[in-house]
C-alpha cells in the first residue's frame, strides 16, 4: 500500500474515533464520569472502577403530568413516568441478600436533599479521620476516642421505614442495606420530579 493511502486511512480512522469519543462524552446519559458516593456505599468516588452505565437517562424536563415510579429488582432498574409516559430510566443497586429491598406498592413519604443515615456510617476521631469504616451503629463496637458519623444519602426519597431512593455507589449488582441507590444525576432528577405521595411500585 502506498504511503499516501495509508495516511488517508489513518486520518479517516482518527476522525471516526474522535467523533465517537466526543459524541458519547457529550451525552450525560452515557457518561462514565458519574460520581458515586463512598462510605458504606463503596470505596469512595469512582468512575473507571464502576461498571459503565449505558442505561440511565432523563428526558422528563419537557414532559408534564402526574409522576410515578416502577422499580424492577430483577433488572436493577427504575422507570420514571409522567402521566404514563416514560420520562427516564435509572440503573440501580438495591438491597443485597438478607437485606432485601421490599416488594409492593408504596408512596414517597419524605424528601431530604441532604439526608444522613442514623444507622450506617463510620467511626471517626475528633479530627474527622475515619478510624473504623462501614459500621452499623449499636452493632459494631466503637473504638475509644471515636464517635459515629452517619453516611450521606443525598436526594433521599423515603418510601418505607428506613428504605428510600438516593444517590449512591453502583457496583453492578444488589449491594445496599435495602435502599435503592442510583447515579447522582438520576437521583437529583427523580428528587425534583416527585412529591410526597408519588406512587412507587417495586417488583421482582
N, C-alpha and C. Protein backbone atom coordinates (compact mmCIF):
# COMPACT_ATOMS: atom_id res chain seq x y z
N UNK A 1 0.85 -1.19 0.00
CA UNK A 1 0.00 0.00 0.00
C UNK A 1 0.88 1.24 0.00
N UNK A 2 0.49 2.28 -0.78
CA UNK A 2 1.28 3.49 -0.85
C UNK A 2 1.15 4.30 0.44
N UNK A 3 2.24 5.08 0.68
CA UNK A 3 2.28 5.87 1.90
C UNK A 3 1.10 6.83 1.98
N UNK A 4 0.72 7.45 0.88
CA UNK A 4 -0.39 8.40 0.87
C UNK A 4 -1.69 7.74 1.24
N UNK A 5 -1.90 6.52 0.74
CA UNK A 5 -3.15 5.80 1.05
C UNK A 5 -3.21 5.46 2.52
N UNK A 6 -2.04 5.01 3.06
CA UNK A 6 -2.01 4.68 4.49
C UNK A 6 -2.34 5.91 5.33
N UNK A 7 -1.79 7.04 4.97
CA UNK A 7 -2.04 8.27 5.72
C UNK A 7 -3.51 8.66 5.67
N UNK A 8 -4.11 8.48 4.49
CA UNK A 8 -5.52 8.84 4.34
C UNK A 8 -6.40 7.96 5.21
N UNK A 9 -6.08 6.65 5.21
CA UNK A 9 -6.86 5.71 6.03
C UNK A 9 -6.70 6.03 7.50
N UNK A 10 -5.45 6.31 7.92
CA UNK A 10 -5.19 6.64 9.32
C UNK A 10 -5.95 7.89 9.74
N UNK A 11 -5.98 8.87 8.83
CA UNK A 11 -6.70 10.09 9.15
C UNK A 11 -8.19 9.85 9.29
N UNK A 12 -8.74 9.00 8.40
CA UNK A 12 -10.17 8.69 8.46
C UNK A 12 -10.52 7.97 9.75
N UNK A 13 -9.68 6.99 10.13
CA UNK A 13 -9.91 6.25 11.37
C UNK A 13 -9.86 7.19 12.57
N UNK A 14 -8.87 8.09 12.56
CA UNK A 14 -8.74 9.04 13.67
C UNK A 14 -9.95 9.94 13.78
N UNK A 15 -10.48 10.40 12.62
CA UNK A 15 -11.66 11.25 12.63
C UNK A 15 -12.86 10.53 13.19
N UNK A 16 -13.06 9.27 12.74
CA UNK A 16 -14.18 8.47 13.22
C UNK A 16 -14.09 8.27 14.72
N UNK A 17 -12.88 7.93 15.22
CA UNK A 17 -12.70 7.72 16.65
C UNK A 17 -12.98 8.99 17.44
N UNK A 18 -12.52 10.13 16.90
CA UNK A 18 -12.74 11.40 17.58
C UNK A 18 -14.22 11.71 17.68
N UNK A 19 -14.95 11.50 16.57
CA UNK A 19 -16.39 11.75 16.57
C UNK A 19 -17.08 10.87 17.59
N UNK A 20 -16.68 9.58 17.62
CA UNK A 20 -17.31 8.62 18.54
C UNK A 20 -17.07 9.02 19.99
N UNK A 21 -15.83 9.35 20.32
CA UNK A 21 -15.50 9.68 21.70
C UNK A 21 -16.17 10.96 22.13
N UNK A 22 -16.08 12.01 21.29
CA UNK A 22 -16.65 13.29 21.65
C UNK A 22 -18.16 13.18 21.73
N UNK A 23 -18.77 12.48 20.75
CA UNK A 23 -20.22 12.35 20.75
C UNK A 23 -20.73 11.68 22.00
N UNK A 24 -20.12 10.58 22.40
CA UNK A 24 -20.56 9.87 23.60
C UNK A 24 -20.26 10.67 24.84
N UNK A 25 -19.12 11.34 24.84
CA UNK A 25 -18.73 12.09 26.03
C UNK A 25 -19.64 13.26 26.30
N UNK A 26 -20.25 13.84 25.26
CA UNK A 26 -21.10 15.00 25.46
C UNK A 26 -22.49 14.61 25.93
N UNK A 27 -22.85 13.35 25.84
CA UNK A 27 -24.17 12.90 26.24
C UNK A 27 -24.13 12.42 27.68
N UNK A 28 -24.69 13.17 28.64
CA UNK A 28 -24.59 12.77 30.05
C UNK A 28 -25.32 11.48 30.35
N UNK A 29 -26.22 11.05 29.47
CA UNK A 29 -26.92 9.80 29.72
C UNK A 29 -25.98 8.62 29.69
N UNK A 30 -24.87 8.74 28.96
CA UNK A 30 -23.95 7.63 28.81
C UNK A 30 -22.57 7.96 29.38
N UNK A 31 -22.52 8.94 30.27
CA UNK A 31 -21.25 9.36 30.84
C UNK A 31 -20.70 8.32 31.79
N UNK A 32 -19.40 8.03 31.65
CA UNK A 32 -18.73 7.13 32.60
C UNK A 32 -18.11 7.92 33.74
N UNK A 33 -18.33 9.23 33.76
CA UNK A 33 -17.75 10.07 34.80
C UNK A 33 -18.73 10.38 35.92
N UNK A 34 -19.90 9.74 35.91
CA UNK A 34 -20.84 9.94 37.00
C UNK A 34 -20.19 9.54 38.31
N UNK A 35 -20.25 10.44 39.28
CA UNK A 35 -19.61 10.17 40.57
C UNK A 35 -20.57 9.44 41.49
N UNK A 36 -20.11 8.39 42.11
CA UNK A 36 -20.89 7.63 43.05
C UNK A 36 -20.31 7.84 44.44
N UNK A 37 -21.16 7.78 45.45
CA UNK A 37 -20.74 8.12 46.80
C UNK A 37 -20.08 6.95 47.48
N UNK A 38 -19.15 7.28 48.39
CA UNK A 38 -18.42 6.25 49.09
C UNK A 38 -19.02 5.94 50.44
N UNK A 39 -18.18 5.86 51.47
CA UNK A 39 -18.66 5.49 52.80
C UNK A 39 -19.15 4.06 52.80
N UNK A 40 -20.31 3.83 53.39
CA UNK A 40 -20.84 2.47 53.42
C UNK A 40 -21.37 2.05 52.07
N UNK A 41 -21.31 2.92 51.09
CA UNK A 41 -21.86 2.62 49.78
C UNK A 41 -20.79 2.23 48.78
N UNK A 42 -19.54 2.20 49.18
CA UNK A 42 -18.49 1.81 48.26
C UNK A 42 -17.16 2.36 48.70
N UNK A 43 -16.13 2.15 47.90
CA UNK A 43 -14.78 2.53 48.30
C UNK A 43 -14.46 3.99 48.14
N UNK A 44 -15.39 4.81 47.70
CA UNK A 44 -15.13 6.22 47.51
C UNK A 44 -15.57 6.63 46.12
N UNK A 45 -15.50 7.93 45.78
CA UNK A 45 -15.89 8.37 44.46
C UNK A 45 -15.08 7.66 43.38
N UNK A 46 -15.79 7.07 42.45
CA UNK A 46 -15.13 6.34 41.40
C UNK A 46 -15.82 6.61 40.09
N UNK A 47 -15.11 6.38 38.99
CA UNK A 47 -15.73 6.42 37.68
C UNK A 47 -15.28 5.21 36.90
N UNK A 48 -13.98 5.09 36.69
CA UNK A 48 -13.47 3.99 35.89
C UNK A 48 -13.69 2.63 36.56
N UNK A 49 -13.66 2.60 37.91
CA UNK A 49 -13.78 1.32 38.60
C UNK A 49 -15.22 0.85 38.68
N UNK A 50 -16.19 1.74 38.45
CA UNK A 50 -17.59 1.34 38.45
C UNK A 50 -17.97 0.85 37.06
N UNK A 51 -18.89 -0.11 36.98
CA UNK A 51 -19.32 -0.57 35.66
C UNK A 51 -19.90 0.59 34.85
N UNK A 52 -19.64 0.60 33.57
CA UNK A 52 -20.15 1.67 32.72
C UNK A 52 -21.67 1.61 32.68
N UNK A 53 -22.30 2.75 32.84
CA UNK A 53 -23.76 2.85 32.85
C UNK A 53 -24.25 3.30 31.48
N UNK A 54 -24.75 2.35 30.70
CA UNK A 54 -25.32 2.65 29.39
C UNK A 54 -26.84 2.63 29.44
N UNK A 55 -27.40 2.67 30.63
CA UNK A 55 -28.85 2.55 30.82
C UNK A 55 -29.48 3.88 31.22
N UNK A 56 -28.89 4.57 32.17
CA UNK A 56 -29.54 5.72 32.79
C UNK A 56 -29.65 6.91 31.84
N UNK A 57 -30.85 7.49 31.81
CA UNK A 57 -31.06 8.73 31.05
C UNK A 57 -32.28 9.45 31.61
N UNK A 58 -32.38 10.73 31.33
CA UNK A 58 -33.51 11.53 31.78
C UNK A 58 -34.00 12.41 30.65
N UNK A 59 -35.28 12.26 30.29
CA UNK A 59 -35.91 13.09 29.27
C UNK A 59 -37.17 13.74 29.81
N UNK A 60 -37.26 13.88 31.13
CA UNK A 60 -38.51 14.28 31.74
C UNK A 60 -38.76 15.76 31.90
N UNK A 61 -37.78 16.60 31.60
CA UNK A 61 -37.95 18.03 31.85
C UNK A 61 -39.05 18.66 30.99
N UNK A 62 -39.27 18.11 29.82
CA UNK A 62 -40.27 18.68 28.91
C UNK A 62 -41.56 17.87 28.88
N UNK A 63 -41.73 16.98 29.86
CA UNK A 63 -42.94 16.16 29.94
C UNK A 63 -43.73 16.59 31.17
N UNK A 64 -45.01 16.85 30.98
CA UNK A 64 -45.88 17.22 32.09
C UNK A 64 -46.71 16.02 32.51
N UNK A 65 -47.25 16.10 33.71
CA UNK A 65 -48.15 15.05 34.15
C UNK A 65 -47.79 14.49 35.51
N UNK A 66 -48.68 13.66 36.03
CA UNK A 66 -48.52 13.07 37.35
C UNK A 66 -47.39 12.05 37.34
N UNK A 67 -46.44 12.15 38.28
CA UNK A 67 -45.30 11.22 38.29
C UNK A 67 -45.64 9.90 38.97
N UNK A 68 -44.94 8.86 38.54
CA UNK A 68 -44.98 7.55 39.19
C UNK A 68 -43.68 6.84 38.87
N UNK A 69 -43.31 5.88 39.72
CA UNK A 69 -42.05 5.16 39.55
C UNK A 69 -42.31 3.67 39.67
N UNK A 70 -41.72 2.92 38.74
CA UNK A 70 -41.76 1.46 38.79
C UNK A 70 -40.32 0.96 38.89
N UNK A 71 -40.07 0.09 39.87
CA UNK A 71 -38.72 -0.42 40.12
C UNK A 71 -38.71 -1.93 39.93
N UNK A 72 -37.79 -2.40 39.12
CA UNK A 72 -37.61 -3.84 38.88
C UNK A 72 -36.34 -4.29 39.57
N UNK A 73 -36.49 -5.12 40.61
CA UNK A 73 -35.31 -5.64 41.31
C UNK A 73 -34.54 -6.60 40.42
N UNK A 74 -35.25 -7.36 39.60
CA UNK A 74 -34.58 -8.31 38.71
C UNK A 74 -33.73 -7.62 37.67
N UNK A 75 -34.23 -6.51 37.14
CA UNK A 75 -33.49 -5.75 36.13
C UNK A 75 -32.52 -4.76 36.75
N UNK A 76 -32.71 -4.45 38.03
CA UNK A 76 -31.94 -3.40 38.71
C UNK A 76 -32.09 -2.07 37.97
N UNK A 77 -33.37 -1.75 37.71
CA UNK A 77 -33.68 -0.50 37.00
C UNK A 77 -34.92 0.15 37.60
N UNK A 78 -34.96 1.47 37.52
CA UNK A 78 -36.14 2.24 37.90
C UNK A 78 -36.66 2.97 36.67
N UNK A 79 -37.96 2.94 36.50
CA UNK A 79 -38.62 3.59 35.37
C UNK A 79 -39.49 4.73 35.90
N UNK A 80 -39.21 5.93 35.42
CA UNK A 80 -39.95 7.11 35.88
C UNK A 80 -40.95 7.50 34.80
N UNK A 81 -42.20 7.67 35.22
CA UNK A 81 -43.27 8.02 34.28
C UNK A 81 -43.92 9.34 34.70
N UNK A 82 -44.41 10.05 33.69
CA UNK A 82 -45.26 11.22 33.91
C UNK A 82 -46.52 11.01 33.09
N UNK A 83 -47.65 10.88 33.81
CA UNK A 83 -48.94 10.57 33.17
C UNK A 83 -48.83 9.37 32.24
N UNK A 84 -48.07 8.36 32.68
CA UNK A 84 -47.95 7.12 31.92
C UNK A 84 -46.91 7.14 30.83
N UNK A 85 -46.27 8.30 30.59
CA UNK A 85 -45.25 8.40 29.55
C UNK A 85 -43.87 8.27 30.18
N UNK A 86 -43.04 7.39 29.60
CA UNK A 86 -41.70 7.16 30.15
C UNK A 86 -40.85 8.43 30.04
N UNK A 87 -40.33 8.87 31.20
CA UNK A 87 -39.54 10.09 31.25
C UNK A 87 -38.07 9.83 31.52
N UNK A 88 -37.74 8.64 32.03
CA UNK A 88 -36.35 8.33 32.32
C UNK A 88 -36.20 6.94 32.89
N UNK A 89 -34.99 6.41 32.77
CA UNK A 89 -34.65 5.10 33.31
C UNK A 89 -33.35 5.24 34.08
N UNK A 90 -33.28 4.60 35.24
CA UNK A 90 -32.06 4.66 36.04
C UNK A 90 -31.56 3.27 36.38
N UNK A 91 -30.26 3.09 36.22
CA UNK A 91 -29.60 1.89 36.75
C UNK A 91 -29.63 1.96 38.27
N UNK A 92 -29.67 0.79 38.93
CA UNK A 92 -29.81 0.76 40.38
C UNK A 92 -28.84 -0.21 41.03
N UNK A 93 -28.72 -0.07 42.34
CA UNK A 93 -28.20 -1.13 43.20
C UNK A 93 -29.12 -1.18 44.41
N UNK A 94 -29.87 -2.29 44.53
CA UNK A 94 -30.85 -2.43 45.60
C UNK A 94 -30.29 -3.32 46.71
N UNK A 95 -31.15 -3.75 47.61
CA UNK A 95 -30.72 -4.50 48.78
C UNK A 95 -30.09 -5.84 48.46
N UNK A 96 -28.99 -6.12 49.13
CA UNK A 96 -28.32 -7.40 48.94
C UNK A 96 -29.07 -8.49 49.70
N UNK A 97 -28.67 -9.74 49.47
CA UNK A 97 -29.33 -10.88 50.10
C UNK A 97 -29.29 -10.74 51.63
N UNK A 98 -30.45 -10.94 52.23
CA UNK A 98 -30.56 -10.78 53.67
C UNK A 98 -30.99 -9.39 54.09
N UNK A 99 -30.82 -8.42 53.21
CA UNK A 99 -31.25 -7.04 53.45
C UNK A 99 -32.05 -6.57 52.24
N UNK A 100 -32.96 -7.43 51.80
CA UNK A 100 -33.66 -7.22 50.55
C UNK A 100 -34.54 -5.97 50.55
N UNK A 101 -34.58 -5.30 49.42
CA UNK A 101 -35.50 -4.19 49.22
C UNK A 101 -36.92 -4.73 49.20
N UNK A 102 -37.85 -4.12 49.93
CA UNK A 102 -39.22 -4.65 49.99
C UNK A 102 -39.94 -4.56 48.64
N UNK A 103 -40.83 -5.50 48.42
CA UNK A 103 -41.64 -5.56 47.20
C UNK A 103 -43.06 -5.11 47.54
N UNK A 104 -43.68 -4.37 46.63
CA UNK A 104 -45.06 -3.97 46.85
C UNK A 104 -45.35 -2.58 46.32
N UNK A 105 -46.46 -2.03 46.78
CA UNK A 105 -46.90 -0.70 46.36
C UNK A 105 -46.66 0.28 47.51
N UNK A 106 -45.96 1.35 47.22
CA UNK A 106 -45.58 2.31 48.24
C UNK A 106 -45.84 3.73 47.72
N UNK A 107 -45.43 4.71 48.50
CA UNK A 107 -45.52 6.11 48.09
C UNK A 107 -44.39 6.87 48.77
N UNK A 108 -43.98 7.97 48.15
CA UNK A 108 -42.95 8.81 48.75
C UNK A 108 -43.49 9.38 50.06
N UNK A 109 -42.76 9.15 51.15
CA UNK A 109 -43.18 9.61 52.47
C UNK A 109 -42.41 10.85 52.93
N UNK A 110 -41.20 11.01 52.42
CA UNK A 110 -40.34 12.11 52.87
C UNK A 110 -39.30 12.39 51.81
N UNK A 111 -38.92 13.67 51.68
CA UNK A 111 -37.83 14.07 50.81
C UNK A 111 -36.82 14.85 51.64
N UNK A 112 -35.54 14.49 51.50
CA UNK A 112 -34.48 15.17 52.25
C UNK A 112 -33.24 15.22 51.37
N UNK A 113 -32.92 16.39 50.86
CA UNK A 113 -31.83 16.52 49.90
C UNK A 113 -30.48 16.22 50.52
N UNK A 114 -30.32 16.46 51.82
CA UNK A 114 -29.04 16.23 52.50
C UNK A 114 -29.17 15.21 53.62
N UNK A 115 -29.89 14.15 53.37
CA UNK A 115 -30.15 13.13 54.39
C UNK A 115 -28.85 12.43 54.80
N UNK A 116 -28.78 12.09 56.08
CA UNK A 116 -27.64 11.35 56.63
C UNK A 116 -28.18 10.15 57.39
N UNK A 117 -27.58 8.99 57.17
CA UNK A 117 -28.03 7.77 57.84
C UNK A 117 -27.82 7.86 59.35
N UNK A 118 -28.80 7.39 60.10
CA UNK A 118 -28.66 7.32 61.56
C UNK A 118 -28.27 5.91 62.00
N UNK A 119 -28.06 5.02 61.04
CA UNK A 119 -27.76 3.62 61.37
C UNK A 119 -26.43 3.15 60.82
N UNK A 120 -26.08 3.58 59.60
CA UNK A 120 -24.86 3.12 58.94
C UNK A 120 -23.92 4.30 58.70
N UNK A 121 -22.62 4.03 58.84
CA UNK A 121 -21.64 5.08 58.62
C UNK A 121 -20.25 4.66 59.06
N UNK A 122 -19.51 5.57 59.65
CA UNK A 122 -18.14 5.31 60.09
C UNK A 122 -17.96 5.78 61.53
N UNK A 123 -16.96 5.20 62.20
CA UNK A 123 -16.49 5.75 63.47
C UNK A 123 -15.29 6.62 63.15
N UNK A 124 -15.36 7.89 63.55
CA UNK A 124 -14.30 8.85 63.24
C UNK A 124 -13.76 9.45 64.53
N UNK A 125 -12.53 10.01 64.44
CA UNK A 125 -11.93 10.64 65.62
C UNK A 125 -12.30 12.12 65.66
N UNK A 126 -11.70 12.85 66.61
CA UNK A 126 -12.05 14.26 66.79
C UNK A 126 -11.68 15.12 65.59
N UNK A 127 -10.71 14.65 64.80
CA UNK A 127 -10.30 15.39 63.60
C UNK A 127 -11.06 14.93 62.36
N UNK A 128 -12.08 14.11 62.55
CA UNK A 128 -12.93 13.60 61.47
C UNK A 128 -12.23 12.57 60.59
N UNK A 129 -11.14 11.99 61.09
CA UNK A 129 -10.48 10.90 60.37
C UNK A 129 -11.22 9.60 60.63
N UNK A 130 -11.42 8.82 59.57
CA UNK A 130 -12.13 7.55 59.72
C UNK A 130 -11.23 6.55 60.43
N UNK A 131 -11.69 6.05 61.56
CA UNK A 131 -10.96 5.04 62.33
C UNK A 131 -11.47 3.65 62.00
N UNK A 132 -12.78 3.53 61.89
CA UNK A 132 -13.40 2.24 61.55
C UNK A 132 -14.53 2.50 60.57
N UNK A 133 -14.36 2.09 59.30
CA UNK A 133 -15.37 2.39 58.29
C UNK A 133 -16.48 1.35 58.24
N UNK A 134 -17.57 1.74 57.59
CA UNK A 134 -18.65 0.82 57.25
C UNK A 134 -19.20 0.08 58.46
N UNK A 135 -19.69 0.85 59.43
CA UNK A 135 -20.18 0.25 60.66
C UNK A 135 -21.70 0.40 60.77
N UNK A 136 -22.28 -0.44 61.61
CA UNK A 136 -23.69 -0.31 61.95
C UNK A 136 -23.77 0.12 63.41
N UNK A 137 -24.39 1.26 63.65
CA UNK A 137 -24.47 1.82 64.99
C UNK A 137 -25.23 0.87 65.91
N UNK A 138 -24.64 0.60 67.08
CA UNK A 138 -25.26 -0.29 68.04
C UNK A 138 -24.91 -1.74 67.85
N UNK A 139 -24.24 -2.05 66.74
CA UNK A 139 -23.83 -3.43 66.45
C UNK A 139 -22.31 -3.55 66.48
N UNK A 140 -21.64 -2.67 65.74
CA UNK A 140 -20.17 -2.70 65.70
C UNK A 140 -19.61 -1.92 66.88
N UNK A 141 -18.65 -2.50 67.62
CA UNK A 141 -18.08 -1.81 68.78
C UNK A 141 -17.36 -0.53 68.37
N UNK A 142 -17.47 0.48 69.21
CA UNK A 142 -16.87 1.78 68.92
C UNK A 142 -15.49 1.87 69.54
N UNK A 143 -14.46 2.14 68.73
CA UNK A 143 -13.11 2.31 69.28
C UNK A 143 -13.05 3.51 70.22
N UNK A 144 -12.21 3.46 71.24
CA UNK A 144 -12.08 4.58 72.18
C UNK A 144 -11.72 5.88 71.46
N UNK A 145 -12.32 6.96 71.89
CA UNK A 145 -12.00 8.27 71.33
C UNK A 145 -12.65 8.56 70.00
N UNK A 146 -13.62 7.75 69.60
CA UNK A 146 -14.29 7.97 68.31
C UNK A 146 -15.77 8.25 68.54
N UNK A 147 -16.41 8.74 67.48
CA UNK A 147 -17.85 8.92 67.50
C UNK A 147 -18.42 8.51 66.16
N UNK A 148 -19.71 8.27 66.13
CA UNK A 148 -20.37 7.81 64.91
C UNK A 148 -20.65 8.98 63.97
N UNK A 149 -20.36 8.75 62.69
CA UNK A 149 -20.69 9.73 61.65
C UNK A 149 -21.50 9.02 60.58
N UNK A 150 -22.77 9.42 60.45
CA UNK A 150 -23.67 8.76 59.51
C UNK A 150 -23.26 8.97 58.07
N UNK A 151 -23.55 7.96 57.25
CA UNK A 151 -23.23 8.03 55.82
C UNK A 151 -24.17 9.00 55.11
N UNK A 152 -23.65 9.82 54.20
CA UNK A 152 -24.51 10.72 53.43
C UNK A 152 -25.38 9.95 52.46
N UNK A 153 -26.63 10.38 52.34
CA UNK A 153 -27.59 9.76 51.41
C UNK A 153 -28.31 10.88 50.65
N UNK A 154 -27.59 11.58 49.76
CA UNK A 154 -28.17 12.74 49.08
C UNK A 154 -29.41 12.40 48.26
N UNK A 155 -30.29 13.37 48.17
CA UNK A 155 -31.54 13.24 47.40
C UNK A 155 -32.36 12.05 47.89
N UNK A 156 -32.47 11.94 49.21
CA UNK A 156 -33.17 10.80 49.81
C UNK A 156 -34.67 10.95 49.64
N UNK A 157 -35.31 9.87 49.16
CA UNK A 157 -36.76 9.82 48.98
C UNK A 157 -37.26 8.59 49.71
N UNK A 158 -37.77 8.78 50.92
CA UNK A 158 -38.19 7.66 51.76
C UNK A 158 -39.48 7.05 51.20
N UNK A 159 -39.50 5.70 51.15
CA UNK A 159 -40.69 5.02 50.65
C UNK A 159 -41.29 4.04 51.66
N UNK A 160 -40.46 3.51 52.57
CA UNK A 160 -40.98 2.52 53.53
C UNK A 160 -39.97 2.33 54.66
N UNK A 161 -40.38 2.67 55.89
CA UNK A 161 -39.46 2.54 57.01
C UNK A 161 -38.19 3.34 56.77
N UNK A 162 -37.04 2.66 56.87
CA UNK A 162 -35.78 3.33 56.60
C UNK A 162 -35.31 3.21 55.17
N UNK A 163 -36.16 2.66 54.30
CA UNK A 163 -35.78 2.41 52.91
C UNK A 163 -36.19 3.58 52.03
N UNK A 164 -35.28 3.98 51.15
CA UNK A 164 -35.59 5.04 50.21
C UNK A 164 -34.69 5.00 48.99
N UNK A 165 -35.00 5.83 48.03
CA UNK A 165 -34.14 6.02 46.86
C UNK A 165 -33.17 7.16 47.18
N UNK A 166 -31.93 7.02 46.75
CA UNK A 166 -30.95 8.09 46.97
C UNK A 166 -29.73 7.87 46.09
N UNK A 167 -28.90 8.91 45.99
CA UNK A 167 -27.64 8.79 45.26
C UNK A 167 -26.70 7.88 46.02
N UNK A 168 -26.00 7.00 45.30
CA UNK A 168 -25.08 6.09 45.96
C UNK A 168 -24.25 5.30 44.97
N UNK A 169 -23.34 4.51 45.51
CA UNK A 169 -22.41 3.73 44.70
C UNK A 169 -23.12 2.56 44.03
N UNK A 170 -22.85 2.35 42.75
CA UNK A 170 -23.43 1.26 41.97
C UNK A 170 -22.33 0.31 41.51
N UNK A 171 -22.17 -0.83 42.17
CA UNK A 171 -21.12 -1.78 41.77
C UNK A 171 -21.53 -2.70 40.64
N UNK A 172 -22.81 -2.65 40.23
CA UNK A 172 -23.26 -3.52 39.16
C UNK A 172 -24.09 -4.69 39.63
N UNK A 173 -24.45 -4.71 40.92
CA UNK A 173 -25.26 -5.80 41.48
C UNK A 173 -25.91 -5.29 42.77
N UNK A 174 -26.92 -5.99 43.31
CA UNK A 174 -27.55 -5.56 44.56
C UNK A 174 -26.54 -5.57 45.70
N UNK A 175 -26.36 -4.43 46.36
CA UNK A 175 -25.29 -4.33 47.37
C UNK A 175 -25.66 -3.45 48.55
N UNK A 176 -26.87 -2.90 48.58
CA UNK A 176 -27.20 -1.94 49.63
C UNK A 176 -27.75 -2.64 50.87
N UNK A 177 -28.07 -1.83 51.88
CA UNK A 177 -28.69 -2.34 53.10
C UNK A 177 -30.21 -2.39 52.97
N UNK A 178 -30.71 -2.24 51.76
CA UNK A 178 -32.15 -2.25 51.50
C UNK A 178 -32.61 -1.06 50.70
N UNK A 179 -31.83 0.02 50.74
CA UNK A 179 -32.18 1.22 49.97
C UNK A 179 -31.97 1.00 48.47
N UNK A 180 -32.43 1.98 47.72
CA UNK A 180 -32.37 1.92 46.26
C UNK A 180 -31.40 2.99 45.80
N UNK A 181 -30.18 2.59 45.51
CA UNK A 181 -29.14 3.53 45.08
C UNK A 181 -29.26 3.78 43.58
N UNK A 182 -28.92 5.00 43.19
CA UNK A 182 -28.90 5.36 41.78
C UNK A 182 -27.81 6.40 41.53
N UNK A 183 -27.42 6.60 40.27
CA UNK A 183 -26.42 7.63 39.97
C UNK A 183 -26.91 8.99 40.48
N UNK A 184 -25.99 9.83 40.86
CA UNK A 184 -26.36 11.10 41.48
C UNK A 184 -27.21 11.96 40.56
N UNK A 185 -26.88 12.01 39.26
CA UNK A 185 -27.66 12.88 38.37
C UNK A 185 -29.08 12.35 38.20
N UNK A 186 -29.26 11.02 38.32
CA UNK A 186 -30.60 10.46 38.23
C UNK A 186 -31.37 10.68 39.53
N UNK A 187 -30.69 10.53 40.67
CA UNK A 187 -31.34 10.79 41.95
C UNK A 187 -31.82 12.24 42.03
N UNK A 188 -31.01 13.15 41.51
CA UNK A 188 -31.39 14.57 41.52
C UNK A 188 -32.63 14.80 40.66
N UNK A 189 -32.68 14.18 39.48
CA UNK A 189 -33.84 14.35 38.61
C UNK A 189 -35.09 13.72 39.20
N UNK A 190 -34.95 12.52 39.77
CA UNK A 190 -36.09 11.89 40.43
C UNK A 190 -36.57 12.78 41.58
N UNK A 191 -35.63 13.26 42.38
CA UNK A 191 -35.95 14.05 43.57
C UNK A 191 -36.76 15.30 43.22
N UNK A 192 -36.34 16.01 42.19
CA UNK A 192 -37.02 17.26 41.84
C UNK A 192 -38.36 17.02 41.17
N UNK A 193 -38.61 15.77 40.74
CA UNK A 193 -39.83 15.48 39.98
C UNK A 193 -40.90 14.76 40.78
N UNK A 194 -40.56 14.25 41.97
CA UNK A 194 -41.56 13.58 42.80
C UNK A 194 -42.01 14.51 43.93
N UNK A 195 -43.09 14.15 44.55
CA UNK A 195 -43.57 14.85 45.74
C UNK A 195 -44.05 13.81 46.74
N UNK A 196 -44.28 14.23 47.96
CA UNK A 196 -44.81 13.30 48.95
C UNK A 196 -46.14 12.75 48.43
N UNK A 197 -46.26 11.43 48.40
CA UNK A 197 -47.45 10.78 47.88
C UNK A 197 -47.28 10.17 46.50
N UNK A 198 -46.18 10.50 45.81
CA UNK A 198 -45.94 9.89 44.49
C UNK A 198 -45.89 8.38 44.62
N UNK A 199 -46.68 7.65 43.80
CA UNK A 199 -46.71 6.19 43.92
C UNK A 199 -45.45 5.51 43.42
N UNK A 200 -45.01 4.49 44.15
CA UNK A 200 -43.83 3.71 43.83
C UNK A 200 -44.22 2.24 43.83
N UNK A 201 -43.95 1.54 42.75
CA UNK A 201 -44.23 0.11 42.67
C UNK A 201 -42.92 -0.64 42.52
N UNK A 202 -42.68 -1.62 43.39
CA UNK A 202 -41.45 -2.41 43.36
C UNK A 202 -41.80 -3.87 43.12
N UNK A 203 -41.21 -4.44 42.07
CA UNK A 203 -41.47 -5.84 41.71
C UNK A 203 -40.14 -6.58 41.56
N UNK A 204 -40.26 -7.90 41.46
CA UNK A 204 -39.08 -8.72 41.17
C UNK A 204 -38.72 -8.64 39.70
